[in-house]
PDB file of N, CA and C in Angstrom:
ATOM      1  N   MET A   1     170.106  36.832 169.005  1.00  0.00           N
ATOM      2  CA  MET A   1     169.518  37.719 169.986  1.00  0.00           C
ATOM      3  C   MET A   1     168.358  38.506 169.386  1.00  0.00           C
ATOM      4  N   LEU A   2     167.319  38.647 170.125  1.00  0.00           N
ATOM      5  CA  LEU A   2     166.208  39.493 169.720  1.00  0.00           C
ATOM      6  C   LEU A   2     165.790  39.190 168.286  1.00  0.00           C
ATOM      7  N   ARG A   3     165.681  37.920 167.959  1.00  0.00           N
ATOM      8  CA  ARG A   3     165.420  37.509 166.584  1.00  0.00           C
ATOM      9  C   ARG A   3     164.186  38.168 165.980  1.00  0.00           C
ATOM     10  N   ALA A   4     163.071  38.096 166.660  1.00  0.00           N
ATOM     11  CA  ALA A   4     161.850  38.706 166.128  1.00  0.00           C
ATOM     12  C   ALA A   4     162.014  40.215 166.031  1.00  0.00           C
ATOM     13  N   GLN A   5     162.631  40.776 167.025  1.00  0.00           N
ATOM     14  CA  GLN A   5     162.864  42.224 167.041  1.00  0.00           C
ATOM     15  C   GLN A   5     163.750  42.615 165.859  1.00  0.00           C
ATOM     16  N   ARG A   6     164.794  41.875 165.626  1.00  0.00           N
ATOM     17  CA  ARG A   6     165.720  42.177 164.539  1.00  0.00           C
ATOM     18  C   ARG A   6     165.029  42.068 163.188  1.00  0.00           C
ATOM     19  N   LEU A   7     164.191  41.056 163.033  1.00  0.00           N
ATOM     20  CA  LEU A   7     163.472  40.872 161.778  1.00  0.00           C
ATOM     21  C   LEU A   7     162.524  42.052 161.524  1.00  0.00           C
ATOM     22  N   ARG A   8     161.773  42.445 162.551  1.00  0.00           N
ATOM     23  CA  ARG A   8     160.866  43.585 162.399  1.00  0.00           C
ATOM     24  C   ARG A   8     161.639  44.847 162.056  1.00  0.00           C
ATOM     25  N   ARG A   9     162.760  45.060 162.744  1.00  0.00           N
ATOM     26  CA  ARG A   9     163.559  46.249 162.495  1.00  0.00           C
ATOM     27  C   ARG A   9     164.120  46.219 161.077  1.00  0.00           C
ATOM     28  N   ARG A  10     164.551  45.069 160.619  1.00  0.00           N
ATOM     29  CA  ARG A  10     165.090  44.940 159.262  1.00  0.00           C
ATOM     30  C   ARG A  10     164.015  45.238 158.227  1.00  0.00           C
ATOM     31  N   ASN A  11     162.801  44.734 158.450  1.00  0.00           N
ATOM     32  CA  ASN A  11     161.699  45.041 157.534  1.00  0.00           C
ATOM     33  C   ASN A  11     161.421  46.536 157.507  1.00  0.00           C
ATOM     34  N   GLN A  12     161.435  47.156 158.662  1.00  0.00           N
ATOM     35  CA  GLN A  12     161.197  48.600 158.729  1.00  0.00           C
ATOM     36  C   GLN A  12     162.329  49.369 158.045  1.00  0.00           C
ATOM     37  N   GLU A  13     163.553  48.882 158.211  1.00  0.00           N
ATOM     38  CA  GLU A  13     164.687  49.519 157.558  1.00  0.00           C
ATOM     39  C   GLU A  13     164.522  49.480 156.045  1.00  0.00           C
ATOM     40  N   LEU A  14     164.081  48.328 155.523  1.00  0.00           N
ATOM     41  CA  LEU A  14     163.838  48.216 154.088  1.00  0.00           C
ATOM     42  C   LEU A  14     162.726  49.151 153.647  1.00  0.00           C
ATOM     43  N   GLU A  15     161.669  49.258 154.444  1.00  0.00           N
ATOM     44  CA  GLU A  15     160.569  50.150 154.107  1.00  0.00           C
ATOM     45  C   GLU A  15     161.010  51.611 154.129  1.00  0.00           C
ATOM     46  N   VAL A  16     161.835  51.982 155.102  1.00  0.00           N
ATOM     47  CA  VAL A  16     162.336  53.359 155.170  1.00  0.00           C
ATOM     48  C   VAL A  16     163.206  53.642 153.951  1.00  0.00           C
ATOM     49  N   ASP A  17     164.101  52.720 153.622  1.00  0.00           N
ATOM     50  CA  ASP A  17     164.947  52.899 152.432  1.00  0.00           C
ATOM     51  C   ASP A  17     164.093  53.049 151.179  1.00  0.00           C
ATOM     52  N   SER A  18     163.079  52.220 151.059  1.00  0.00           N
ATOM     53  CA  SER A  18     162.173  52.281 149.915  1.00  0.00           C
ATOM     54  C   SER A  18     161.448  53.627 149.864  1.00  0.00           C
ATOM     55  N   LEU A  19     160.976  54.083 151.008  1.00  0.00           N
ATOM     56  CA  LEU A  19     160.266  55.351 151.078  1.00  0.00           C
ATOM     57  C   LEU A  19     161.184  56.522 150.723  1.00  0.00           C
ATOM     58  N   LEU A  20     162.422  56.476 151.198  1.00  0.00           N
ATOM     59  CA  LEU A  20     163.385  57.524 150.856  1.00  0.00           C
ATOM     60  C   LEU A  20     163.650  57.545 149.359  1.00  0.00           C
ATOM     61  N   SER A  21     163.780  56.364 148.755  1.00  0.00           N
ATOM     62  CA  SER A  21     163.986  56.276 147.310  1.00  0.00           C
ATOM     63  C   SER A  21     162.768  56.801 146.552  1.00  0.00           C
ATOM     64  N   GLU A  22     161.597  56.404 147.000  1.00  0.00           N
ATOM     65  CA  GLU A  22     160.354  56.847 146.360  1.00  0.00           C
ATOM     66  C   GLU A  22     160.221  58.368 146.415  1.00  0.00           C
ATOM     67  N   SER A  23     160.668  58.954 147.507  1.00  0.00           N
ATOM     68  CA  SER A  23     160.542  60.405 147.664  1.00  0.00           C
ATOM     69  C   SER A  23     161.437  61.169 146.689  1.00  0.00           C
ATOM     70  N   GLN A  24     162.413  60.491 146.108  1.00  0.00           N
ATOM     71  CA  GLN A  24     163.327  61.141 145.172  1.00  0.00           C
ATOM     72  C   GLN A  24     162.820  61.104 143.725  1.00  0.00           C
ATOM     73  N   LEU A  25     161.754  60.351 143.478  1.00  0.00           N
ATOM     74  CA  LEU A  25     161.201  60.270 142.137  1.00  0.00           C
ATOM     75  C   LEU A  25     160.483  61.563 141.767  1.00  0.00           C
ATOM     76  N   LYS A  26     160.486  61.881 140.494  1.00  0.00           N
ATOM     77  CA  LYS A  26     159.877  63.124 140.019  1.00  0.00           C
ATOM     78  C   LYS A  26     158.395  63.240 140.409  1.00  0.00           C
ATOM     79  N   GLU A  27     157.669  62.104 140.340  1.00  0.00           N
ATOM     80  CA  GLU A  27     156.242  62.168 140.667  1.00  0.00           C
ATOM     81  C   GLU A  27     155.991  62.416 142.153  1.00  0.00           C
ATOM     82  N   ALA A  28     157.032  62.324 142.973  1.00  0.00           N
ATOM     83  CA  ALA A  28     156.882  62.591 144.405  1.00  0.00           C
ATOM     84  C   ALA A  28     156.596  64.067 144.674  1.00  0.00           C
ATOM     85  N   LEU A  29     156.767  64.902 143.672  1.00  0.00           N
ATOM     86  CA  LEU A  29     156.478  66.326 143.833  1.00  0.00           C
ATOM     87  C   LEU A  29     154.980  66.613 143.778  1.00  0.00           C
ATOM     88  N   GLU A  30     154.198  65.672 143.291  1.00  0.00           N
ATOM     89  CA  GLU A  30     152.752  65.855 143.200  1.00  0.00           C
ATOM     90  C   GLU A  30     152.147  65.836 144.601  1.00  0.00           C
ATOM     91  N   PRO A  31     151.207  66.740 144.876  1.00  0.00           N
ATOM     92  CA  PRO A  31     150.624  66.838 146.225  1.00  0.00           C
ATOM     93  C   PRO A  31     150.050  65.529 146.764  1.00  0.00           C
ATOM     94  N   ASN A  32     149.340  64.768 145.934  1.00  0.00           N
ATOM     95  CA  ASN A  32     148.771  63.502 146.405  1.00  0.00           C
ATOM     96  C   ASN A  32     149.860  62.514 146.794  1.00  0.00           C
ATOM     97  N   LYS A  33     150.916  62.478 146.018  1.00  0.00           N
ATOM     98  CA  LYS A  33     152.019  61.565 146.302  1.00  0.00           C
ATOM     99  C   LYS A  33     152.759  62.003 147.572  1.00  0.00           C
ATOM    100  N   ARG A  34     152.930  63.302 147.746  1.00  0.00           N
ATOM    101  CA  ARG A  34     153.572  63.820 148.968  1.00  0.00           C
ATOM    102  C   ARG A  34     152.752  63.419 150.193  1.00  0.00           C
ATOM    103  N   GLN A  35     151.439  63.538 150.087  1.00  0.00           N
ATOM    104  CA  GLN A  35     150.567  63.175 151.207  1.00  0.00           C
ATOM    105  C   GLN A  35     150.700  61.687 151.530  1.00  0.00           C
ATOM    106  N   HIS A  36     150.752  60.856 150.495  1.00  0.00           N
ATOM    107  CA  HIS A  36     150.909  59.410 150.688  1.00  0.00           C
ATOM    108  C   HIS A  36     152.249  59.106 151.382  1.00  0.00           C
ATOM    109  N   ILE A  37     153.308  59.719 150.934  1.00  0.00           N
ATOM    110  CA  ILE A  37     154.627  59.499 151.531  1.00  0.00           C
ATOM    111  C   ILE A  37     154.631  59.971 152.986  1.00  0.00           C
ATOM    112  N   TYR A  38     154.019  61.109 153.245  1.00  0.00           N
ATOM    113  CA  TYR A  38     153.953  61.639 154.606  1.00  0.00           C
ATOM    114  C   TYR A  38     153.200  60.667 155.523  1.00  0.00           C
ATOM    115  N   GLN A  39     152.073  60.142 155.055  1.00  0.00           N
ATOM    116  CA  GLN A  39     151.296  59.186 155.850  1.00  0.00           C
ATOM    117  C   GLN A  39     152.106  57.917 156.126  1.00  0.00           C
ATOM    118  N   ARG A  40     152.862  57.458 155.141  1.00  0.00           N
ATOM    119  CA  ARG A  40     153.715  56.279 155.345  1.00  0.00           C
ATOM    120  C   ARG A  40     154.808  56.568 156.365  1.00  0.00           C
ATOM    121  N   CYS A  41     155.323  57.783 156.357  1.00  0.00           N
ATOM    122  CA  CYS A  41     156.313  58.183 157.370  1.00  0.00           C
ATOM    123  C   CYS A  41     155.716  58.050 158.769  1.00  0.00           C
ATOM    124  N   ILE A  42     154.510  58.550 158.936  1.00  0.00           N
ATOM    125  CA  ILE A  42     153.834  58.498 160.227  1.00  0.00           C
ATOM    126  C   ILE A  42     153.607  57.052 160.658  1.00  0.00           C
ATOM    127  N   GLN A  43     153.123  56.218 159.734  1.00  0.00           N
ATOM    128  CA  GLN A  43     152.855  54.813 160.051  1.00  0.00           C
ATOM    129  C   GLN A  43     154.133  54.070 160.433  1.00  0.00           C
ATOM    130  N   LEU A  44     155.192  54.281 159.678  1.00  0.00           N
ATOM    131  CA  LEU A  44     156.457  53.623 159.986  1.00  0.00           C
ATOM    132  C   LEU A  44     157.023  54.099 161.320  1.00  0.00           C
ATOM    133  N   LYS A  45     156.899  55.376 161.590  1.00  0.00           N
ATOM    134  CA  LYS A  45     157.397  55.906 162.864  1.00  0.00           C
ATOM    135  C   LYS A  45     156.637  55.284 164.030  1.00  0.00           C
ATOM    136  N   GLN A  46     155.343  55.098 163.888  1.00  0.00           N
ATOM    137  CA  GLN A  46     154.562  54.447 164.939  1.00  0.00           C
ATOM    138  C   GLN A  46     155.021  53.000 165.144  1.00  0.00           C
ATOM    139  N   ALA A  47     155.262  52.291 164.062  1.00  0.00           N
ATOM    140  CA  ALA A  47     155.725  50.908 164.158  1.00  0.00           C
ATOM    141  C   ALA A  47     157.101  50.839 164.813  1.00  0.00           C
ATOM    142  N   ILE A  48     157.964  51.760 164.465  1.00  0.00           N
ATOM    143  CA  ILE A  48     159.298  51.799 165.062  1.00  0.00           C
ATOM    144  C   ILE A  48     159.197  52.109 166.553  1.00  0.00           C
ATOM    145  N   ASN A  49     158.311  53.016 166.922  1.00  0.00           N
ATOM    146  CA  ASN A  49     158.117  53.319 168.345  1.00  0.00           C
ATOM    147  C   ASN A  49     157.629  52.099 169.113  1.00  0.00           C
ATOM    148  N   GLU A  50     156.747  51.307 168.499  1.00  0.00           N
ATOM    149  CA  GLU A  50     156.288  50.076 169.130  1.00  0.00           C
ATOM    150  C   GLU A  50     157.452  49.116 169.332  1.00  0.00           C
ATOM    151  N   ASN A  51     158.324  49.019 168.327  1.00  0.00           N
ATOM    152  CA  ASN A  51     159.505  48.159 168.462  1.00  0.00           C
ATOM    153  C   ASN A  51     160.423  48.656 169.572  1.00  0.00           C
ATOM    154  N   LYS A  52     160.577  49.963 169.672  1.00  0.00           N
ATOM    155  CA  LYS A  52     161.415  50.521 170.742  1.00  0.00           C
ATOM    156  C   LYS A  52     160.846  50.164 172.108  1.00  0.00           C
ATOM    157  N   ASN A  53     159.535  50.276 172.250  1.00  0.00           N
ATOM    158  CA  ASN A  53     158.906  49.942 173.525  1.00  0.00           C
ATOM    159  C   ASN A  53     159.080  48.463 173.856  1.00  0.00           C
ATOM    160  N   THR A  54     158.907  47.610 172.863  1.00  0.00           N
ATOM    161  CA  THR A  54     159.094  46.176 173.060  1.00  0.00           C
ATOM    162  C   THR A  54     160.539  45.885 173.431  1.00  0.00           C
ATOM    163  N   LEU A  55     161.451  46.491 172.719  1.00  0.00           N
ATOM    164  CA  LEU A  55     162.879  46.300 172.982  1.00  0.00           C
ATOM    165  C   LEU A  55     163.221  46.732 174.401  1.00  0.00           C
ATOM    166  N   GLN A  56     162.675  47.843 174.824  1.00  0.00           N
ATOM    167  CA  GLN A  56     162.941  48.366 176.168  1.00  0.00           C
ATOM    168  C   GLN A  56     162.504  47.361 177.239  1.00  0.00           C
ATOM    169  N   LYS A  57     161.407  46.665 176.994  1.00  0.00           N
ATOM    170  CA  LYS A  57     160.857  45.728 177.973  1.00  0.00           C
ATOM    171  C   LYS A  57     161.567  44.380 177.981  1.00  0.00           C
ATOM    172  N   LEU A  58     162.301  44.066 176.913  1.00  0.00           N
ATOM    173  CA  LEU A  58     162.977  42.774 176.839  1.00  0.00           C
ATOM    174  C   LEU A  58     164.113  42.674 177.846  1.00  0.00           C
ATOM    175  N   SER A  59     164.304  41.469 178.320  1.00  0.00           N
ATOM    176  CA  SER A  59     165.441  41.214 179.204  1.00  0.00           C
ATOM    177  C   SER A  59     166.171  39.972 178.696  1.00  0.00           C
ATOM    178  N   LYS A  60     167.338  39.778 179.237  1.00  0.00           N
ATOM    179  CA  LYS A  60     168.147  38.628 178.836  1.00  0.00           C
ATOM    180  C   LYS A  60     167.388  37.320 179.085  1.00  0.00           C
ATOM    181  N   ALA A  61     166.564  37.287 180.101  1.00  0.00           N
ATOM    182  CA  ALA A  61     165.797  36.090 180.439  1.00  0.00           C
ATOM    183  C   ALA A  61     164.744  35.756 179.378  1.00  0.00           C
ATOM    184  N   ASP A  62     164.373  36.733 178.552  1.00  0.00           N
ATOM    185  CA  ASP A  62     163.384  36.507 177.502  1.00  0.00           C
ATOM    186  C   ASP A  62     163.948  35.750 176.308  1.00  0.00           C
ATOM    187  N   GLU A  63     165.242  35.664 176.211  1.00  0.00           N
ATOM    188  CA  GLU A  63     165.873  35.010 175.067  1.00  0.00           C
ATOM    189  C   GLU A  63     165.800  33.491 175.214  1.00  0.00           C
ATOM    190  N   PRO A  64     165.505  32.779 174.104  1.00  0.00           N
ATOM    191  CA  PRO A  64     165.391  31.322 174.162  1.00  0.00           C
ATOM    192  C   PRO A  64     166.736  30.624 174.388  1.00  0.00           C
ATOM    193  N   ALA A  65     167.826  31.311 174.081  1.00  0.00           N
ATOM    194  CA  ALA A  65     169.163  30.743 174.252  1.00  0.00           C
ATOM    195  C   ALA A  65     170.086  31.837 174.790  1.00  0.00           C
ATOM    196  N   PRO A  66     171.170  31.442 175.441  1.00  0.00           N
ATOM    197  CA  PRO A  66     172.103  32.451 175.961  1.00  0.00           C
ATOM    198  C   PRO A  66     172.634  33.351 174.843  1.00  0.00           C
ATOM    199  N   VAL A  67     172.772  34.631 175.157  1.00  0.00           N
ATOM    200  CA  VAL A  67     173.236  35.601 174.172  1.00  0.00           C
ATOM    201  C   VAL A  67     174.449  36.329 174.742  1.00  0.00           C
ATOM    202  N   ALA A  68     175.553  36.250 174.009  1.00  0.00           N
ATOM    203  CA  ALA A  68     176.750  36.986 174.427  1.00  0.00           C
ATOM    204  C   ALA A  68     176.541  38.475 174.169  1.00  0.00           C
ATOM    205  N   ASN A  69     177.060  39.301 175.012  1.00  0.00           N
ATOM    206  CA  ASN A  69     176.984  40.762 174.861  1.00  0.00           C
ATOM    207  C   ASN A  69     175.532  41.243 174.702  1.00  0.00           C
ATOM    208  N   TYR A  70     174.633  40.688 175.486  1.00  0.00           N
ATOM    209  CA  TYR A  70     173.203  41.004 175.363  1.00  0.00           C
ATOM    210  C   TYR A  70     172.947  42.508 175.407  1.00  0.00           C
ATOM    211  N   ASN A  71     173.490  43.166 176.424  1.00  0.00           N
ATOM    212  CA  ASN A  71     173.223  44.605 176.581  1.00  0.00           C
ATOM    213  C   ASN A  71     173.771  45.423 175.418  1.00  0.00           C
ATOM    214  N   GLN A  72     174.932  45.047 174.922  1.00  0.00           N
ATOM    215  CA  GLN A  72     175.511  45.743 173.772  1.00  0.00           C
ATOM    216  C   GLN A  72     174.630  45.554 172.536  1.00  0.00           C
ATOM    217  N   ARG A  73     174.171  44.356 172.309  1.00  0.00           N
ATOM    218  CA  ARG A  73     173.318  44.088 171.149  1.00  0.00           C
ATOM    219  C   ARG A  73     171.981  44.807 171.267  1.00  0.00           C
ATOM    220  N   LYS A  74     171.454  44.849 172.464  1.00  0.00           N
ATOM    221  CA  LYS A  74     170.199  45.555 172.689  1.00  0.00           C
ATOM    222  C   LYS A  74     170.385  47.044 172.402  1.00  0.00           C
ATOM    223  N   GLU A  75     171.499  47.593 172.839  1.00  0.00           N
ATOM    224  CA  GLU A  75     171.798  49.008 172.591  1.00  0.00           C
ATOM    225  C   GLU A  75     171.975  49.273 171.098  1.00  0.00           C
ATOM    226  N   GLU A  76     172.620  48.353 170.382  1.00  0.00           N
ATOM    227  CA  GLU A  76     172.788  48.504 168.936  1.00  0.00           C
ATOM    228  C   GLU A  76     171.436  48.528 168.234  1.00  0.00           C
ATOM    229  N   GLU A  77     170.530  47.633 168.644  1.00  0.00           N
ATOM    230  CA  GLU A  77     169.188  47.620 168.062  1.00  0.00           C
ATOM    231  C   GLU A  77     168.481  48.948 168.316  1.00  0.00           C
ATOM    232  N   HIS A  78     168.607  49.441 169.527  1.00  0.00           N
ATOM    233  CA  HIS A  78     167.980  50.722 169.879  1.00  0.00           C
ATOM    234  C   HIS A  78     168.548  51.847 169.028  1.00  0.00           C
ATOM    235  N   ASN A  79     169.858  51.871 168.841  1.00  0.00           N
ATOM    236  CA  ASN A  79     170.491  52.911 168.025  1.00  0.00           C
ATOM    237  C   ASN A  79     170.021  52.850 166.575  1.00  0.00           C
ATOM    238  N   LEU A  80     169.862  51.648 166.041  1.00  0.00           N
ATOM    239  CA  LEU A  80     169.377  51.513 164.667  1.00  0.00           C
ATOM    240  C   LEU A  80     167.933  52.009 164.544  1.00  0.00           C
ATOM    241  N   LEU A  81     167.112  51.724 165.538  1.00  0.00           N
ATOM    242  CA  LEU A  81     165.737  52.228 165.521  1.00  0.00           C
ATOM    243  C   LEU A  81     165.723  53.754 165.619  1.00  0.00           C
ATOM    244  N   ASP A  82     166.636  54.307 166.411  1.00  0.00           N
ATOM    245  CA  ASP A  82     166.748  55.772 166.494  1.00  0.00           C
ATOM    246  C   ASP A  82     167.144  56.366 165.141  1.00  0.00           C
ATOM    247  N   LYS A  83     168.044  55.696 164.444  1.00  0.00           N
ATOM    248  CA  LYS A  83     168.481  56.169 163.120  1.00  0.00           C
ATOM    249  C   LYS A  83     167.304  56.192 162.145  1.00  0.00           C
ATOM    250  N   LEU A  84     166.510  55.129 162.151  1.00  0.00           N
ATOM    251  CA  LEU A  84     165.341  55.070 161.274  1.00  0.00           C
ATOM    252  C   LEU A  84     164.344  56.176 161.618  1.00  0.00           C
ATOM    253  N   THR A  85     164.134  56.406 162.910  1.00  0.00           N
ATOM    254  CA  THR A  85     163.232  57.469 163.349  1.00  0.00           C
ATOM    255  C   THR A  85     163.716  58.814 162.837  1.00  0.00           C
ATOM    256  N   HIS A  86     165.006  59.066 162.964  1.00  0.00           N
ATOM    257  CA  HIS A  86     165.586  60.335 162.507  1.00  0.00           C
ATOM    258  C   HIS A  86     165.396  60.521 161.000  1.00  0.00           C
ATOM    259  N   GLN A  87     165.620  59.462 160.232  1.00  0.00           N
ATOM    260  CA  GLN A  87     165.436  59.541 158.781  1.00  0.00           C
ATOM    261  C   GLN A  87     163.985  59.860 158.437  1.00  0.00           C
ATOM    262  N   LEU A  88     163.062  59.193 159.108  1.00  0.00           N
ATOM    263  CA  LEU A  88     161.643  59.440 158.838  1.00  0.00           C
ATOM    264  C   LEU A  88     161.228  60.854 159.224  1.00  0.00           C
ATOM    265  N   GLN A  89     161.727  61.333 160.341  1.00  0.00           N
ATOM    266  CA  GLN A  89     161.389  62.694 160.765  1.00  0.00           C
ATOM    267  C   GLN A  89     161.909  63.717 159.760  1.00  0.00           C
ATOM    268  N   GLY A  90     163.128  63.508 159.279  1.00  0.00           N
ATOM    269  CA  GLY A  90     163.688  64.412 158.278  1.00  0.00           C
ATOM    270  C   GLY A  90     162.870  64.416 157.001  1.00  0.00           C
ATOM    271  N   LEU A  91     162.482  63.243 156.557  1.00  0.00           N
ATOM    272  CA  LEU A  91     161.673  63.139 155.348  1.00  0.00           C
ATOM    273  C   LEU A  91     160.301  63.774 155.555  1.00  0.00           C
ATOM    274  N   ALA A  92     159.683  63.520 156.700  1.00  0.00           N
ATOM    275  CA  ALA A  92     158.356  64.092 156.978  1.00  0.00           C
ATOM    276  C   ALA A  92     158.397  65.616 156.997  1.00  0.00           C
ATOM    277  N   VAL A  93     159.426  66.172 157.590  1.00  0.00           N
ATOM    278  CA  VAL A  93     159.566  67.638 157.624  1.00  0.00           C
ATOM    279  C   VAL A  93     159.744  68.184 156.217  1.00  0.00           C
ATOM    280  N   THR A  94     160.594  67.527 155.440  1.00  0.00           N
ATOM    281  CA  THR A  94     160.837  67.967 154.069  1.00  0.00           C
ATOM    282  C   THR A  94     159.564  67.899 153.234  1.00  0.00           C
ATOM    283  N   ILE A  95     158.840  66.816 153.369  1.00  0.00           N
ATOM    284  CA  ILE A  95     157.595  66.654 152.607  1.00  0.00           C
ATOM    285  C   ILE A  95     156.556  67.675 153.029  1.00  0.00           C
ATOM    286  N   SER A  96     156.454  67.913 154.318  1.00  0.00           N
ATOM    287  CA  SER A  96     155.455  68.868 154.794  1.00  0.00           C
ATOM    288  C   SER A  96     155.750  70.274 154.294  1.00  0.00           C
ATOM    289  N   ARG A  97     157.007  70.544 153.982  1.00  0.00           N
ATOM    290  CA  ARG A  97     157.387  71.842 153.400  1.00  0.00           C
ATOM    291  C   ARG A  97     157.157  71.866 151.896  1.00  0.00           C
ATOM    292  N   GLY A  98     156.963  70.674 151.307  1.00  0.00           N
ATOM    293  CA  GLY A  98     156.662  70.597 149.880  1.00  0.00           C
ATOM    294  C   GLY A  98     157.874  70.591 148.969  1.00  0.00           C
ATOM    295  N   ASN A  99     159.064  70.396 149.533  1.00  0.00           N
ATOM    296  CA  ASN A  99     160.261  70.403 148.701  1.00  0.00           C
ATOM    297  C   ASN A  99     161.048  69.109 148.922  1.00  0.00           C
ATOM    298  N   ILE A 100     160.663  68.074 148.228  1.00  0.00           N
ATOM    299  CA  ILE A 100     161.241  66.743 148.412  1.00  0.00           C
ATOM    300  C   ILE A 100     162.713  66.692 148.013  1.00  0.00           C
ATOM    301  N   THR A 101     163.102  67.371 146.986  1.00  0.00           N
ATOM    302  CA  THR A 101     164.482  67.266 146.511  1.00  0.00           C
ATOM    303  C   THR A 101     165.461  67.793 147.546  1.00  0.00           C
ATOM    304  N   GLU A 102     165.002  68.584 148.478  1.00  0.00           N
ATOM    305  CA  GLU A 102     165.834  69.141 149.527  1.00  0.00           C
ATOM    306  C   GLU A 102     166.421  68.047 150.425  1.00  0.00           C
ATOM    307  N   TYR A 103     165.715  66.908 150.569  1.00  0.00           N
ATOM    308  CA  TYR A 103     166.126  65.863 151.498  1.00  0.00           C
ATOM    309  C   TYR A 103     167.316  65.049 151.009  1.00  0.00           C
ATOM    310  N   ALA A 104     167.525  65.017 149.704  1.00  0.00           N
ATOM    311  CA  ALA A 104     168.595  64.200 149.126  1.00  0.00           C
ATOM    312  C   ALA A 104     169.899  64.574 149.741  1.00  0.00           C
TER     313      ALA A 104
END
């Protein structure tokens, strides 16, 4: 189900995890690095929002093969995208305050 959507979401999940890990490094306290991490948060959030919009528009008829529990799976994908958005927002707020270690 939602194969392309799932792949994009998985890539974004890996990028969010990577960004969260990067934010915990000592050099993440440097202003230039904080700015870079903040910009990546914004870019990832935009990409996730695009995925949410695409997901919202998808219907069962768009699938190349029958999918069991289509609505449940679609809702699960949406919830995972919401989780990623929440993580990015938390990190962006923490970075904008200048205290990265607070997010851990």
